[in-house]
Amino acid sequence: MRNLIDKIEENANIDKSFKKEVYRKAIHLSSLWIPALIYFTQPAFSIFLFSLLFCGDALLEYGNYKKYPWARQTFGKLFFKTLRDKECRRKFFQVSGSLYVLLAAIVCTLFFSKPIAIISLTVMLVSDTMAALVGKAFGTRMLYKHKSLEGTVAFFMSALLINMLFEPLFQFTYAGVIACMAATLAELYEDKIDLDDNLSIPLFVGIILTLLG
C-alpha cells in the first residue's frame, strides 16, 4: 500500500514538474519576437532595444538579489513561475536565462549577418524548447546526466528543420548540418562548456554558419 502511495506521489510530482516546464518554455518561445524584430528592423534599432532591455533586466535581477522591495515584487510577478527550484534557492548573485537570451540577441545582431542571426536565435528558442519538453514527456534513455536521448534527438531534428525552413534567407548546406550538431552538443554538455546554453547555442550556430556557410 505504501509503495502505491509513493508511486502516486511520484507521478503527481512528475506531472507538476512537466506543467512547470511547459510554462517555462512557453515564456521561452514568446521570445521569438526577437528574431522577428531583427528581420523587420534595422540592426541599429534592434541593438538599441535589446541593450535597453538587457540593462533593465540586469538592474531588476540585481535589485532582487539585494532584496530591494520594488525589485523583489516586480521580479516575483515576472519570473517566479519560470524559475527552477535551484534558481529560487541560490545564495549568490546569478543571472537568469532571460538575460542570456538578450545578450545573445545583442551579440548575434552585432557580429552575424541578419539571416544567420535569425537562424541562430530561432534554433536556441525552438530547439531548446523541443529538447526540454520531449525529454520531460518521453525521455527514458539518459545520455548525459539529466539529458535524454529522446530530448537530444528532438533538439537536433528541430534545428535541422529550422535551417531548412529558412532556406529562402540562407542556403542550407553541410554547414547547416554541422551547426546543428554543434548546437546539439552545446545543449547536451552545457555544464562542460560552462556557458549558459541560451548564449552558447546561438554562438555555435552563428560562428559555424559564418565560417562555413
N, C-alpha and C. Protein backbone atom coordinates (compact mmCIF):
# COMPACT_ATOMS: atom_id res chain seq x y z
N MET A 1 0.83 -1.21 0.00
CA MET A 1 0.00 0.00 0.00
C MET A 1 0.87 1.26 0.00
N ARG A 2 1.92 1.19 0.82
CA ARG A 2 2.82 2.34 0.91
C ARG A 2 3.51 2.59 -0.42
N ASN A 3 3.91 1.52 -1.11
CA ASN A 3 4.57 1.66 -2.41
C ASN A 3 3.64 2.30 -3.43
N LEU A 4 2.35 1.95 -3.34
CA LEU A 4 1.37 2.52 -4.26
C LEU A 4 1.22 4.02 -4.02
N ILE A 5 1.17 4.41 -2.75
CA ILE A 5 1.06 5.83 -2.40
C ILE A 5 2.28 6.60 -2.87
N ASP A 6 3.48 6.01 -2.66
CA ASP A 6 4.72 6.64 -3.11
C ASP A 6 4.71 6.82 -4.63
N LYS A 7 4.20 5.81 -5.34
CA LYS A 7 4.15 5.87 -6.80
C LYS A 7 3.21 6.97 -7.27
N ILE A 8 2.06 7.08 -6.59
CA ILE A 8 1.09 8.13 -6.95
C ILE A 8 1.69 9.52 -6.72
N GLU A 9 2.39 9.69 -5.58
CA GLU A 9 3.02 10.97 -5.27
C GLU A 9 4.12 11.29 -6.27
N GLU A 10 4.87 10.26 -6.66
CA GLU A 10 5.95 10.46 -7.64
C GLU A 10 5.37 10.90 -8.98
N ASN A 11 4.29 10.25 -9.42
CA ASN A 11 3.65 10.63 -10.69
C ASN A 11 3.08 12.04 -10.63
N ALA A 12 2.54 12.41 -9.47
CA ALA A 12 1.99 13.76 -9.29
C ALA A 12 3.09 14.80 -9.38
N ASN A 13 4.26 14.49 -8.80
CA ASN A 13 5.40 15.41 -8.85
C ASN A 13 5.92 15.56 -10.27
N ILE A 14 5.95 14.43 -11.01
CA ILE A 14 6.41 14.47 -12.40
C ILE A 14 5.46 15.32 -13.24
N ASP A 15 4.14 15.13 -13.01
CA ASP A 15 3.13 15.89 -13.75
C ASP A 15 3.25 17.38 -13.45
N LYS A 16 3.47 17.71 -12.16
CA LYS A 16 3.64 19.10 -11.75
C LYS A 16 4.89 19.68 -12.37
N SER A 17 5.97 18.90 -12.39
CA SER A 17 7.23 19.34 -12.97
C SER A 17 7.08 19.60 -14.46
N PHE A 18 6.36 18.71 -15.16
CA PHE A 18 6.16 18.87 -16.60
C PHE A 18 5.34 20.12 -16.91
N LYS A 19 4.29 20.35 -16.12
CA LYS A 19 3.46 21.54 -16.33
C LYS A 19 4.27 22.82 -16.13
N LYS A 20 5.16 22.81 -15.13
CA LYS A 20 6.00 23.98 -14.89
C LYS A 20 6.97 24.17 -16.05
N GLU A 21 7.49 23.05 -16.60
CA GLU A 21 8.41 23.14 -17.73
C GLU A 21 7.69 23.67 -18.96
N VAL A 22 6.45 23.25 -19.16
CA VAL A 22 5.65 23.77 -20.28
C VAL A 22 5.48 25.28 -20.15
N TYR A 23 5.19 25.74 -18.95
CA TYR A 23 5.03 27.18 -18.70
C TYR A 23 6.34 27.91 -18.97
N ARG A 24 7.45 27.35 -18.47
CA ARG A 24 8.77 27.95 -18.69
C ARG A 24 9.06 28.09 -20.18
N LYS A 25 8.80 27.02 -20.92
CA LYS A 25 9.15 27.01 -22.33
C LYS A 25 8.18 27.84 -23.17
N ALA A 26 6.96 28.01 -22.68
CA ALA A 26 6.03 28.92 -23.37
C ALA A 26 6.56 30.35 -23.29
N ILE A 27 7.09 30.71 -22.12
CA ILE A 27 7.72 32.02 -21.96
C ILE A 27 8.95 32.12 -22.85
N HIS A 28 9.72 31.02 -22.90
CA HIS A 28 10.92 30.97 -23.74
C HIS A 28 10.55 31.21 -25.21
N LEU A 29 9.51 30.52 -25.67
CA LEU A 29 9.08 30.65 -27.06
C LEU A 29 8.54 32.04 -27.37
N SER A 30 8.00 32.71 -26.36
CA SER A 30 7.47 34.05 -26.59
C SER A 30 8.57 35.02 -27.02
N SER A 31 9.82 34.63 -26.78
CA SER A 31 10.96 35.47 -27.19
C SER A 31 11.24 35.37 -28.68
N LEU A 32 10.40 34.65 -29.42
CA LEU A 32 10.56 34.60 -30.88
C LEU A 32 10.32 35.97 -31.51
N TRP A 33 9.80 36.92 -30.71
CA TRP A 33 9.69 38.29 -31.22
C TRP A 33 11.08 38.86 -31.51
N ILE A 34 12.11 38.29 -30.88
CA ILE A 34 13.47 38.82 -31.07
C ILE A 34 13.97 38.59 -32.50
N PRO A 35 13.99 37.33 -33.01
CA PRO A 35 14.39 37.18 -34.42
C PRO A 35 13.43 37.87 -35.39
N ALA A 36 12.15 37.97 -35.02
CA ALA A 36 11.20 38.69 -35.88
C ALA A 36 11.56 40.16 -35.97
N LEU A 37 11.94 40.75 -34.84
CA LEU A 37 12.35 42.16 -34.83
C LEU A 37 13.60 42.37 -35.68
N ILE A 38 14.55 41.45 -35.56
CA ILE A 38 15.78 41.55 -36.36
C ILE A 38 15.45 41.53 -37.85
N TYR A 39 14.48 40.71 -38.23
CA TYR A 39 14.10 40.59 -39.64
C TYR A 39 13.46 41.88 -40.17
N PHE A 40 12.61 42.49 -39.36
CA PHE A 40 11.80 43.61 -39.84
C PHE A 40 12.40 44.99 -39.58
N THR A 41 13.47 45.08 -38.81
CA THR A 41 14.05 46.39 -38.49
C THR A 41 15.53 46.45 -38.83
N GLN A 42 16.07 47.64 -38.76
CA GLN A 42 17.49 47.84 -38.98
C GLN A 42 18.29 47.37 -37.76
N PRO A 43 19.51 46.86 -37.98
CA PRO A 43 20.33 46.37 -36.86
C PRO A 43 20.52 47.38 -35.74
N ALA A 44 20.70 48.65 -36.09
CA ALA A 44 20.94 49.67 -35.07
C ALA A 44 19.77 49.77 -34.09
N PHE A 45 18.55 49.71 -34.63
CA PHE A 45 17.38 49.79 -33.76
C PHE A 45 17.26 48.55 -32.89
N SER A 46 17.50 47.37 -33.49
CA SER A 46 17.42 46.12 -32.74
C SER A 46 18.41 46.11 -31.58
N ILE A 47 19.65 46.51 -31.87
CA ILE A 47 20.69 46.52 -30.84
C ILE A 47 20.33 47.51 -29.73
N PHE A 48 19.82 48.67 -30.11
CA PHE A 48 19.42 49.66 -29.11
C PHE A 48 18.35 49.10 -28.18
N LEU A 49 17.31 48.49 -28.76
CA LEU A 49 16.21 47.96 -27.94
C LEU A 49 16.68 46.79 -27.07
N PHE A 50 17.47 45.87 -27.65
CA PHE A 50 17.98 44.74 -26.88
C PHE A 50 18.85 45.21 -25.72
N SER A 51 19.68 46.22 -25.99
CA SER A 51 20.57 46.75 -24.95
C SER A 51 19.78 47.41 -23.83
N LEU A 52 18.73 48.13 -24.21
CA LEU A 52 17.87 48.78 -23.22
C LEU A 52 17.20 47.74 -22.31
N LEU A 53 16.67 46.69 -22.93
CA LEU A 53 16.03 45.62 -22.17
C LEU A 53 17.03 44.86 -21.31
N PHE A 54 18.23 44.67 -21.85
CA PHE A 54 19.29 43.97 -21.11
C PHE A 54 19.64 44.74 -19.84
N CYS A 55 19.83 46.03 -19.97
CA CYS A 55 20.18 46.86 -18.80
C CYS A 55 19.05 46.86 -17.78
N GLY A 56 17.81 46.97 -18.26
CA GLY A 56 16.67 46.95 -17.35
C GLY A 56 16.54 45.63 -16.62
N ASP A 57 16.74 44.53 -17.34
CA ASP A 57 16.66 43.20 -16.74
C ASP A 57 17.78 42.99 -15.73
N ALA A 58 19.00 43.42 -16.09
CA ALA A 58 20.14 43.27 -15.19
C ALA A 58 19.92 44.06 -13.89
N LEU A 59 19.40 45.27 -14.02
CA LEU A 59 19.11 46.10 -12.85
C LEU A 59 18.05 45.44 -11.97
N LEU A 60 17.02 44.89 -12.60
CA LEU A 60 15.95 44.23 -11.86
C LEU A 60 16.46 43.00 -11.12
N GLU A 61 17.28 42.20 -11.80
CA GLU A 61 17.79 40.97 -11.18
C GLU A 61 18.76 41.29 -10.04
N TYR A 62 19.57 42.31 -10.21
CA TYR A 62 20.48 42.69 -9.13
C TYR A 62 19.69 43.25 -7.94
N GLY A 63 18.66 44.04 -8.24
CA GLY A 63 17.81 44.58 -7.18
C GLY A 63 17.10 43.47 -6.42
N ASN A 64 16.69 42.43 -7.13
CA ASN A 64 16.06 41.28 -6.49
C ASN A 64 17.05 40.56 -5.58
N TYR A 65 18.29 40.42 -6.08
CA TYR A 65 19.34 39.77 -5.27
C TYR A 65 19.63 40.56 -3.99
N LYS A 66 19.63 41.89 -4.10
CA LYS A 66 19.89 42.74 -2.94
C LYS A 66 18.65 42.92 -2.06
N LYS A 67 17.54 42.30 -2.49
CA LYS A 67 16.28 42.30 -1.74
C LYS A 67 15.65 43.69 -1.60
N TYR A 68 15.81 44.51 -2.66
CA TYR A 68 15.09 45.77 -2.68
C TYR A 68 13.61 45.47 -2.91
N PRO A 69 12.71 46.04 -2.11
CA PRO A 69 11.28 45.71 -2.20
C PRO A 69 10.69 45.87 -3.61
N TRP A 70 11.01 46.99 -4.27
CA TRP A 70 10.45 47.24 -5.60
C TRP A 70 10.89 46.17 -6.59
N ALA A 71 12.16 45.75 -6.46
CA ALA A 71 12.71 44.77 -7.39
C ALA A 71 12.15 43.37 -7.11
N ARG A 72 12.07 43.01 -5.84
CA ARG A 72 11.58 41.68 -5.48
C ARG A 72 10.13 41.49 -5.90
N GLN A 73 9.34 42.54 -5.73
CA GLN A 73 7.93 42.45 -6.11
C GLN A 73 7.77 42.31 -7.62
N THR A 74 8.50 43.13 -8.36
CA THR A 74 8.41 43.08 -9.83
C THR A 74 8.99 41.79 -10.37
N PHE A 75 10.15 41.39 -9.85
CA PHE A 75 10.81 40.16 -10.31
C PHE A 75 9.93 38.95 -10.03
N GLY A 76 9.30 38.93 -8.86
CA GLY A 76 8.43 37.82 -8.50
C GLY A 76 7.26 37.68 -9.45
N LYS A 77 6.65 38.81 -9.81
CA LYS A 77 5.50 38.79 -10.71
C LYS A 77 5.89 38.33 -12.11
N LEU A 78 7.08 38.72 -12.55
CA LEU A 78 7.50 38.42 -13.92
C LEU A 78 8.11 37.03 -14.08
N PHE A 79 8.91 36.61 -13.10
CA PHE A 79 9.74 35.43 -13.32
C PHE A 79 9.55 34.26 -12.36
N PHE A 80 8.84 34.45 -11.25
CA PHE A 80 8.82 33.40 -10.22
C PHE A 80 8.37 32.05 -10.77
N LYS A 81 7.32 32.03 -11.58
CA LYS A 81 6.79 30.77 -12.09
C LYS A 81 7.72 30.10 -13.10
N THR A 82 8.69 30.84 -13.61
CA THR A 82 9.59 30.26 -14.61
C THR A 82 10.90 29.77 -14.00
N LEU A 83 11.13 30.05 -12.72
CA LEU A 83 12.39 29.67 -12.09
C LEU A 83 12.36 28.24 -11.60
N ARG A 84 13.47 27.53 -11.81
CA ARG A 84 13.60 26.19 -11.25
C ARG A 84 13.91 26.31 -9.76
N ASP A 85 13.73 25.20 -9.03
CA ASP A 85 13.93 25.21 -7.58
C ASP A 85 15.33 25.68 -7.21
N LYS A 86 16.34 25.20 -7.95
CA LYS A 86 17.72 25.57 -7.63
C LYS A 86 17.96 27.06 -7.86
N GLU A 87 17.21 27.66 -8.81
CA GLU A 87 17.34 29.09 -9.07
C GLU A 87 16.70 29.90 -7.95
N CYS A 88 15.65 29.37 -7.36
CA CYS A 88 14.98 30.07 -6.25
C CYS A 88 15.83 30.02 -4.99
N ARG A 89 16.67 28.98 -4.85
CA ARG A 89 17.43 28.79 -3.62
C ARG A 89 18.85 29.35 -3.69
N ARG A 90 19.25 29.93 -4.82
CA ARG A 90 20.62 30.38 -4.95
C ARG A 90 20.96 31.46 -3.93
N LYS A 91 22.19 31.39 -3.39
CA LYS A 91 22.60 32.27 -2.31
C LYS A 91 23.56 33.36 -2.78
N PHE A 92 23.91 33.35 -4.05
CA PHE A 92 24.79 34.39 -4.58
C PHE A 92 24.18 34.92 -5.88
N PHE A 93 24.68 36.08 -6.32
CA PHE A 93 24.10 36.71 -7.50
C PHE A 93 24.39 35.88 -8.74
N GLN A 94 23.34 35.48 -9.40
CA GLN A 94 23.45 34.69 -10.62
C GLN A 94 22.29 35.07 -11.53
N VAL A 95 22.60 35.49 -12.74
CA VAL A 95 21.55 35.99 -13.63
C VAL A 95 20.70 34.85 -14.16
N SER A 96 19.48 35.16 -14.55
CA SER A 96 18.56 34.16 -15.10
C SER A 96 18.78 34.01 -16.60
N GLY A 97 18.08 33.03 -17.18
CA GLY A 97 18.24 32.76 -18.60
C GLY A 97 17.82 33.90 -19.50
N SER A 98 16.87 34.71 -19.05
CA SER A 98 16.37 35.81 -19.89
C SER A 98 17.47 36.81 -20.22
N LEU A 99 18.38 37.02 -19.28
CA LEU A 99 19.47 37.96 -19.52
C LEU A 99 20.42 37.42 -20.58
N TYR A 100 20.64 36.11 -20.56
CA TYR A 100 21.50 35.49 -21.58
C TYR A 100 20.83 35.53 -22.95
N VAL A 101 19.52 35.40 -22.99
CA VAL A 101 18.79 35.50 -24.26
C VAL A 101 18.99 36.88 -24.87
N LEU A 102 18.87 37.92 -24.06
CA LEU A 102 19.06 39.29 -24.55
C LEU A 102 20.51 39.54 -24.95
N LEU A 103 21.45 38.99 -24.19
CA LEU A 103 22.86 39.13 -24.55
C LEU A 103 23.14 38.43 -25.88
N ALA A 104 22.56 37.25 -26.06
CA ALA A 104 22.71 36.53 -27.33
C ALA A 104 22.14 37.33 -28.48
N ALA A 105 21.01 37.99 -28.26
CA ALA A 105 20.40 38.82 -29.30
C ALA A 105 21.31 39.97 -29.70
N ILE A 106 21.94 40.59 -28.71
CA ILE A 106 22.86 41.71 -28.98
C ILE A 106 24.07 41.22 -29.76
N VAL A 107 24.69 40.14 -29.29
CA VAL A 107 25.91 39.62 -29.92
C VAL A 107 25.63 39.15 -31.35
N CYS A 108 24.54 38.41 -31.54
CA CYS A 108 24.21 37.90 -32.87
C CYS A 108 23.92 39.02 -33.86
N THR A 109 23.21 40.04 -33.41
CA THR A 109 22.89 41.17 -34.28
C THR A 109 24.15 41.97 -34.64
N LEU A 110 25.06 42.07 -33.68
CA LEU A 110 26.30 42.83 -33.90
C LEU A 110 27.26 42.13 -34.85
N PHE A 111 27.44 40.82 -34.68
CA PHE A 111 28.55 40.13 -35.34
C PHE A 111 28.15 39.21 -36.49
N PHE A 112 26.88 38.89 -36.63
CA PHE A 112 26.46 37.99 -37.70
C PHE A 112 25.57 38.72 -38.69
N SER A 113 25.48 38.19 -39.89
CA SER A 113 24.55 38.76 -40.86
C SER A 113 23.12 38.54 -40.36
N LYS A 114 22.20 39.31 -40.91
CA LYS A 114 20.81 39.22 -40.46
C LYS A 114 20.23 37.81 -40.57
N PRO A 115 20.39 37.11 -41.73
CA PRO A 115 19.84 35.74 -41.82
C PRO A 115 20.44 34.79 -40.78
N ILE A 116 21.75 34.88 -40.57
CA ILE A 116 22.41 33.98 -39.62
C ILE A 116 21.98 34.29 -38.19
N ALA A 117 21.85 35.56 -37.87
CA ALA A 117 21.38 35.94 -36.53
C ALA A 117 19.98 35.39 -36.27
N ILE A 118 19.12 35.48 -37.27
CA ILE A 118 17.74 34.99 -37.13
C ILE A 118 17.72 33.48 -36.93
N ILE A 119 18.47 32.75 -37.75
CA ILE A 119 18.52 31.29 -37.64
C ILE A 119 19.10 30.87 -36.29
N SER A 120 20.19 31.50 -35.89
CA SER A 120 20.87 31.14 -34.64
C SER A 120 19.96 31.30 -33.43
N LEU A 121 19.26 32.42 -33.37
CA LEU A 121 18.38 32.69 -32.23
C LEU A 121 17.13 31.82 -32.27
N THR A 122 16.63 31.54 -33.46
CA THR A 122 15.44 30.68 -33.58
C THR A 122 15.76 29.25 -33.13
N VAL A 123 16.93 28.75 -33.49
CA VAL A 123 17.35 27.42 -33.04
C VAL A 123 17.42 27.38 -31.52
N MET A 124 18.02 28.41 -30.93
CA MET A 124 18.13 28.46 -29.47
C MET A 124 16.75 28.44 -28.81
N LEU A 125 15.82 29.20 -29.35
CA LEU A 125 14.50 29.32 -28.73
C LEU A 125 13.62 28.09 -28.96
N VAL A 126 13.60 27.59 -30.19
CA VAL A 126 12.70 26.49 -30.53
C VAL A 126 13.29 25.12 -30.17
N SER A 127 14.52 24.88 -30.57
CA SER A 127 15.11 23.55 -30.35
C SER A 127 15.35 23.26 -28.88
N ASP A 128 15.74 24.27 -28.12
CA ASP A 128 15.89 24.08 -26.68
C ASP A 128 14.55 23.72 -26.04
N THR A 129 13.49 24.34 -26.52
CA THR A 129 12.14 24.02 -26.03
C THR A 129 11.76 22.59 -26.38
N MET A 130 12.03 22.18 -27.61
CA MET A 130 11.71 20.82 -28.04
C MET A 130 12.47 19.79 -27.21
N ALA A 131 13.74 20.05 -26.97
CA ALA A 131 14.56 19.12 -26.18
C ALA A 131 14.00 18.96 -24.77
N ALA A 132 13.63 20.08 -24.16
CA ALA A 132 13.13 20.04 -22.78
C ALA A 132 11.79 19.32 -22.68
N LEU A 133 10.86 19.64 -23.57
CA LEU A 133 9.52 19.06 -23.47
C LEU A 133 9.49 17.59 -23.88
N VAL A 134 10.18 17.25 -24.95
CA VAL A 134 10.24 15.85 -25.37
C VAL A 134 10.99 15.02 -24.33
N GLY A 135 12.07 15.58 -23.81
CA GLY A 135 12.83 14.88 -22.78
C GLY A 135 12.01 14.63 -21.53
N LYS A 136 11.24 15.64 -21.11
CA LYS A 136 10.39 15.50 -19.92
C LYS A 136 9.27 14.49 -20.14
N ALA A 137 8.66 14.53 -21.33
CA ALA A 137 7.49 13.70 -21.60
C ALA A 137 7.84 12.27 -21.98
N PHE A 138 8.91 12.10 -22.77
CA PHE A 138 9.20 10.77 -23.32
C PHE A 138 10.60 10.26 -23.01
N GLY A 139 11.42 11.07 -22.36
CA GLY A 139 12.80 10.67 -22.12
C GLY A 139 12.94 9.50 -21.17
N THR A 140 13.49 8.40 -21.67
CA THR A 140 13.72 7.21 -20.83
C THR A 140 15.18 6.76 -20.87
N ARG A 141 15.88 7.11 -21.95
CA ARG A 141 17.29 6.69 -22.09
C ARG A 141 18.20 7.90 -21.85
N MET A 142 18.90 7.89 -20.75
CA MET A 142 19.75 9.01 -20.40
C MET A 142 21.08 8.96 -21.17
N LEU A 143 21.42 10.08 -21.77
CA LEU A 143 22.70 10.20 -22.48
C LEU A 143 23.78 10.78 -21.58
N TYR A 144 23.42 11.86 -20.90
CA TYR A 144 24.40 12.56 -20.06
C TYR A 144 23.67 13.26 -18.94
N LYS A 145 23.93 12.82 -17.72
CA LYS A 145 23.28 13.37 -16.53
C LYS A 145 21.76 13.35 -16.72
N HIS A 146 21.09 14.51 -16.69
CA HIS A 146 19.63 14.53 -16.80
C HIS A 146 19.15 14.71 -18.24
N LYS A 147 20.07 14.66 -19.22
CA LYS A 147 19.70 14.85 -20.62
C LYS A 147 19.42 13.49 -21.26
N SER A 148 18.28 13.37 -21.94
CA SER A 148 17.87 12.10 -22.52
C SER A 148 18.18 12.03 -24.02
N LEU A 149 18.22 10.80 -24.52
CA LEU A 149 18.42 10.58 -25.95
C LEU A 149 17.26 11.18 -26.74
N GLU A 150 16.04 10.98 -26.25
CA GLU A 150 14.85 11.48 -26.95
C GLU A 150 14.87 13.00 -27.06
N GLY A 151 15.23 13.67 -25.97
CA GLY A 151 15.29 15.12 -25.99
C GLY A 151 16.38 15.64 -26.90
N THR A 152 17.52 14.95 -26.90
CA THR A 152 18.65 15.36 -27.75
C THR A 152 18.32 15.20 -29.22
N VAL A 153 17.67 14.08 -29.58
CA VAL A 153 17.25 13.87 -30.97
C VAL A 153 16.23 14.93 -31.38
N ALA A 154 15.31 15.27 -30.48
CA ALA A 154 14.31 16.31 -30.77
C ALA A 154 14.99 17.65 -31.04
N PHE A 155 16.03 17.95 -30.27
CA PHE A 155 16.77 19.20 -30.49
C PHE A 155 17.39 19.20 -31.88
N PHE A 156 18.12 18.14 -32.22
CA PHE A 156 18.83 18.09 -33.50
C PHE A 156 17.88 18.15 -34.68
N MET A 157 16.80 17.37 -34.64
CA MET A 157 15.86 17.32 -35.76
C MET A 157 15.14 18.66 -35.94
N SER A 158 14.76 19.30 -34.84
CA SER A 158 14.08 20.59 -34.96
C SER A 158 15.05 21.67 -35.46
N ALA A 159 16.31 21.59 -35.05
CA ALA A 159 17.32 22.54 -35.53
C ALA A 159 17.53 22.38 -37.04
N LEU A 160 17.58 21.14 -37.50
CA LEU A 160 17.70 20.88 -38.94
C LEU A 160 16.51 21.45 -39.69
N LEU A 161 15.32 21.23 -39.16
CA LEU A 161 14.10 21.71 -39.80
C LEU A 161 14.09 23.23 -39.90
N ILE A 162 14.54 23.89 -38.84
CA ILE A 162 14.60 25.35 -38.85
C ILE A 162 15.53 25.84 -39.94
N ASN A 163 16.70 25.22 -40.06
CA ASN A 163 17.65 25.61 -41.11
C ASN A 163 17.06 25.41 -42.50
N MET A 164 16.30 24.32 -42.67
CA MET A 164 15.68 24.06 -43.97
C MET A 164 14.57 25.07 -44.27
N LEU A 165 13.79 25.40 -43.25
CA LEU A 165 12.68 26.34 -43.44
C LEU A 165 13.17 27.74 -43.78
N PHE A 166 14.38 28.07 -43.31
CA PHE A 166 14.94 29.39 -43.59
C PHE A 166 15.79 29.40 -44.86
N GLU A 167 15.60 28.39 -45.71
CA GLU A 167 16.33 28.30 -46.97
C GLU A 167 16.22 29.58 -47.81
N PRO A 168 15.05 30.25 -47.87
CA PRO A 168 14.98 31.50 -48.65
C PRO A 168 15.92 32.59 -48.12
N LEU A 169 16.24 32.55 -46.83
CA LEU A 169 17.12 33.56 -46.24
C LEU A 169 18.59 33.18 -46.35
N PHE A 170 18.86 31.89 -46.15
CA PHE A 170 20.24 31.42 -46.10
C PHE A 170 20.30 30.01 -46.65
N GLN A 171 21.13 29.79 -47.67
CA GLN A 171 21.18 28.49 -48.33
C GLN A 171 21.58 27.38 -47.36
N PHE A 172 20.79 26.31 -47.35
CA PHE A 172 21.05 25.18 -46.46
C PHE A 172 22.09 24.26 -47.10
N THR A 173 23.25 24.13 -46.46
CA THR A 173 24.32 23.27 -46.95
C THR A 173 24.82 22.39 -45.81
N TYR A 174 25.96 21.74 -46.04
CA TYR A 174 26.56 20.92 -44.99
C TYR A 174 26.88 21.75 -43.75
N ALA A 175 27.10 23.06 -43.94
CA ALA A 175 27.38 23.94 -42.81
C ALA A 175 26.22 23.96 -41.83
N GLY A 176 25.00 23.89 -42.36
CA GLY A 176 23.82 23.87 -41.50
C GLY A 176 23.77 22.61 -40.66
N VAL A 177 24.15 21.48 -41.25
CA VAL A 177 24.16 20.21 -40.51
C VAL A 177 25.20 20.26 -39.39
N ILE A 178 26.39 20.76 -39.73
CA ILE A 178 27.46 20.87 -38.72
C ILE A 178 27.05 21.82 -37.61
N ALA A 179 26.42 22.93 -37.98
CA ALA A 179 25.97 23.90 -36.97
C ALA A 179 24.94 23.28 -36.03
N CYS A 180 24.04 22.48 -36.60
CA CYS A 180 23.02 21.81 -35.78
C CYS A 180 23.65 20.79 -34.84
N MET A 181 24.65 20.07 -35.33
CA MET A 181 25.36 19.10 -34.49
C MET A 181 26.08 19.81 -33.34
N ALA A 182 26.74 20.92 -33.66
CA ALA A 182 27.46 21.68 -32.63
C ALA A 182 26.50 22.24 -31.59
N ALA A 183 25.36 22.76 -32.05
CA ALA A 183 24.36 23.30 -31.13
C ALA A 183 23.80 22.21 -30.22
N THR A 184 23.59 21.03 -30.79
CA THR A 184 23.08 19.90 -30.01
C THR A 184 24.06 19.52 -28.91
N LEU A 185 25.34 19.49 -29.25
CA LEU A 185 26.38 19.17 -28.26
C LEU A 185 26.48 20.27 -27.20
N ALA A 186 26.31 21.52 -27.62
CA ALA A 186 26.36 22.64 -26.67
C ALA A 186 25.23 22.53 -25.65
N GLU A 187 24.06 22.09 -26.11
CA GLU A 187 22.92 21.91 -25.20
C GLU A 187 23.13 20.70 -24.30
N LEU A 188 23.66 19.63 -24.87
CA LEU A 188 23.86 18.39 -24.11
C LEU A 188 24.91 18.55 -23.03
N TYR A 189 26.02 19.19 -23.39
CA TYR A 189 27.15 19.33 -22.45
C TYR A 189 27.28 20.76 -21.93
N GLU A 190 26.16 21.37 -21.62
CA GLU A 190 26.15 22.75 -21.14
C GLU A 190 27.07 22.95 -19.95
N ASP A 191 27.07 22.00 -19.01
CA ASP A 191 27.89 22.16 -17.81
C ASP A 191 29.38 22.04 -18.10
N LYS A 192 29.74 21.29 -19.14
CA LYS A 192 31.15 21.16 -19.53
C LYS A 192 31.66 22.45 -20.18
N ILE A 193 30.81 23.06 -20.98
CA ILE A 193 31.18 24.31 -21.66
C ILE A 193 31.23 25.45 -20.66
N ASP A 194 30.46 25.32 -19.59
CA ASP A 194 30.39 26.33 -18.53
C ASP A 194 29.90 27.68 -19.08
N LEU A 195 28.92 27.60 -19.96
CA LEU A 195 28.29 28.79 -20.52
C LEU A 195 26.82 28.49 -20.72
N ASP A 196 25.96 29.38 -20.31
CA ASP A 196 24.52 29.16 -20.44
C ASP A 196 24.16 28.85 -21.89
N ASP A 197 23.32 27.82 -22.09
CA ASP A 197 23.01 27.40 -23.45
C ASP A 197 22.20 28.43 -24.23
N ASN A 198 21.58 29.38 -23.54
CA ASN A 198 20.90 30.47 -24.24
C ASN A 198 21.88 31.35 -24.99
N LEU A 199 23.14 31.30 -24.59
CA LEU A 199 24.18 32.06 -25.27
C LEU A 199 25.05 31.15 -26.14
N SER A 200 25.42 29.98 -25.62
CA SER A 200 26.33 29.09 -26.35
C SER A 200 25.71 28.55 -27.64
N ILE A 201 24.42 28.21 -27.61
CA ILE A 201 23.78 27.64 -28.80
C ILE A 201 23.79 28.61 -29.98
N PRO A 202 23.29 29.85 -29.84
CA PRO A 202 23.34 30.77 -30.99
C PRO A 202 24.76 31.13 -31.41
N LEU A 203 25.69 31.16 -30.46
CA LEU A 203 27.08 31.44 -30.83
C LEU A 203 27.66 30.32 -31.68
N PHE A 204 27.45 29.07 -31.29
CA PHE A 204 27.95 27.94 -32.06
C PHE A 204 27.35 27.94 -33.46
N VAL A 205 26.03 28.11 -33.53
CA VAL A 205 25.36 28.10 -34.84
C VAL A 205 25.84 29.27 -35.70
N GLY A 206 25.88 30.45 -35.12
CA GLY A 206 26.27 31.64 -35.88
C GLY A 206 27.70 31.60 -36.39
N ILE A 207 28.62 31.17 -35.54
CA ILE A 207 30.03 31.12 -35.94
C ILE A 207 30.25 30.10 -37.05
N ILE A 208 29.64 28.92 -36.92
CA ILE A 208 29.83 27.88 -37.94
C ILE A 208 29.19 28.28 -39.26
N LEU A 209 28.00 28.84 -39.23
CA LEU A 209 27.36 29.27 -40.48
C LEU A 209 28.13 30.41 -41.14
N THR A 210 28.72 31.27 -40.32
CA THR A 210 29.51 32.39 -40.86
C THR A 210 30.80 31.89 -41.52
N LEU A 211 31.46 30.94 -40.88
CA LEU A 211 32.74 30.45 -41.38
C LEU A 211 32.59 29.47 -42.54
N LEU A 212 31.55 28.64 -42.49
CA LEU A 212 31.41 27.56 -43.47
C LEU A 212 30.27 27.76 -44.46
N GLY A 213 29.35 28.68 -44.14
CA GLY A 213 28.16 28.86 -44.97
C GLY A 213 28.46 29.48 -46.33
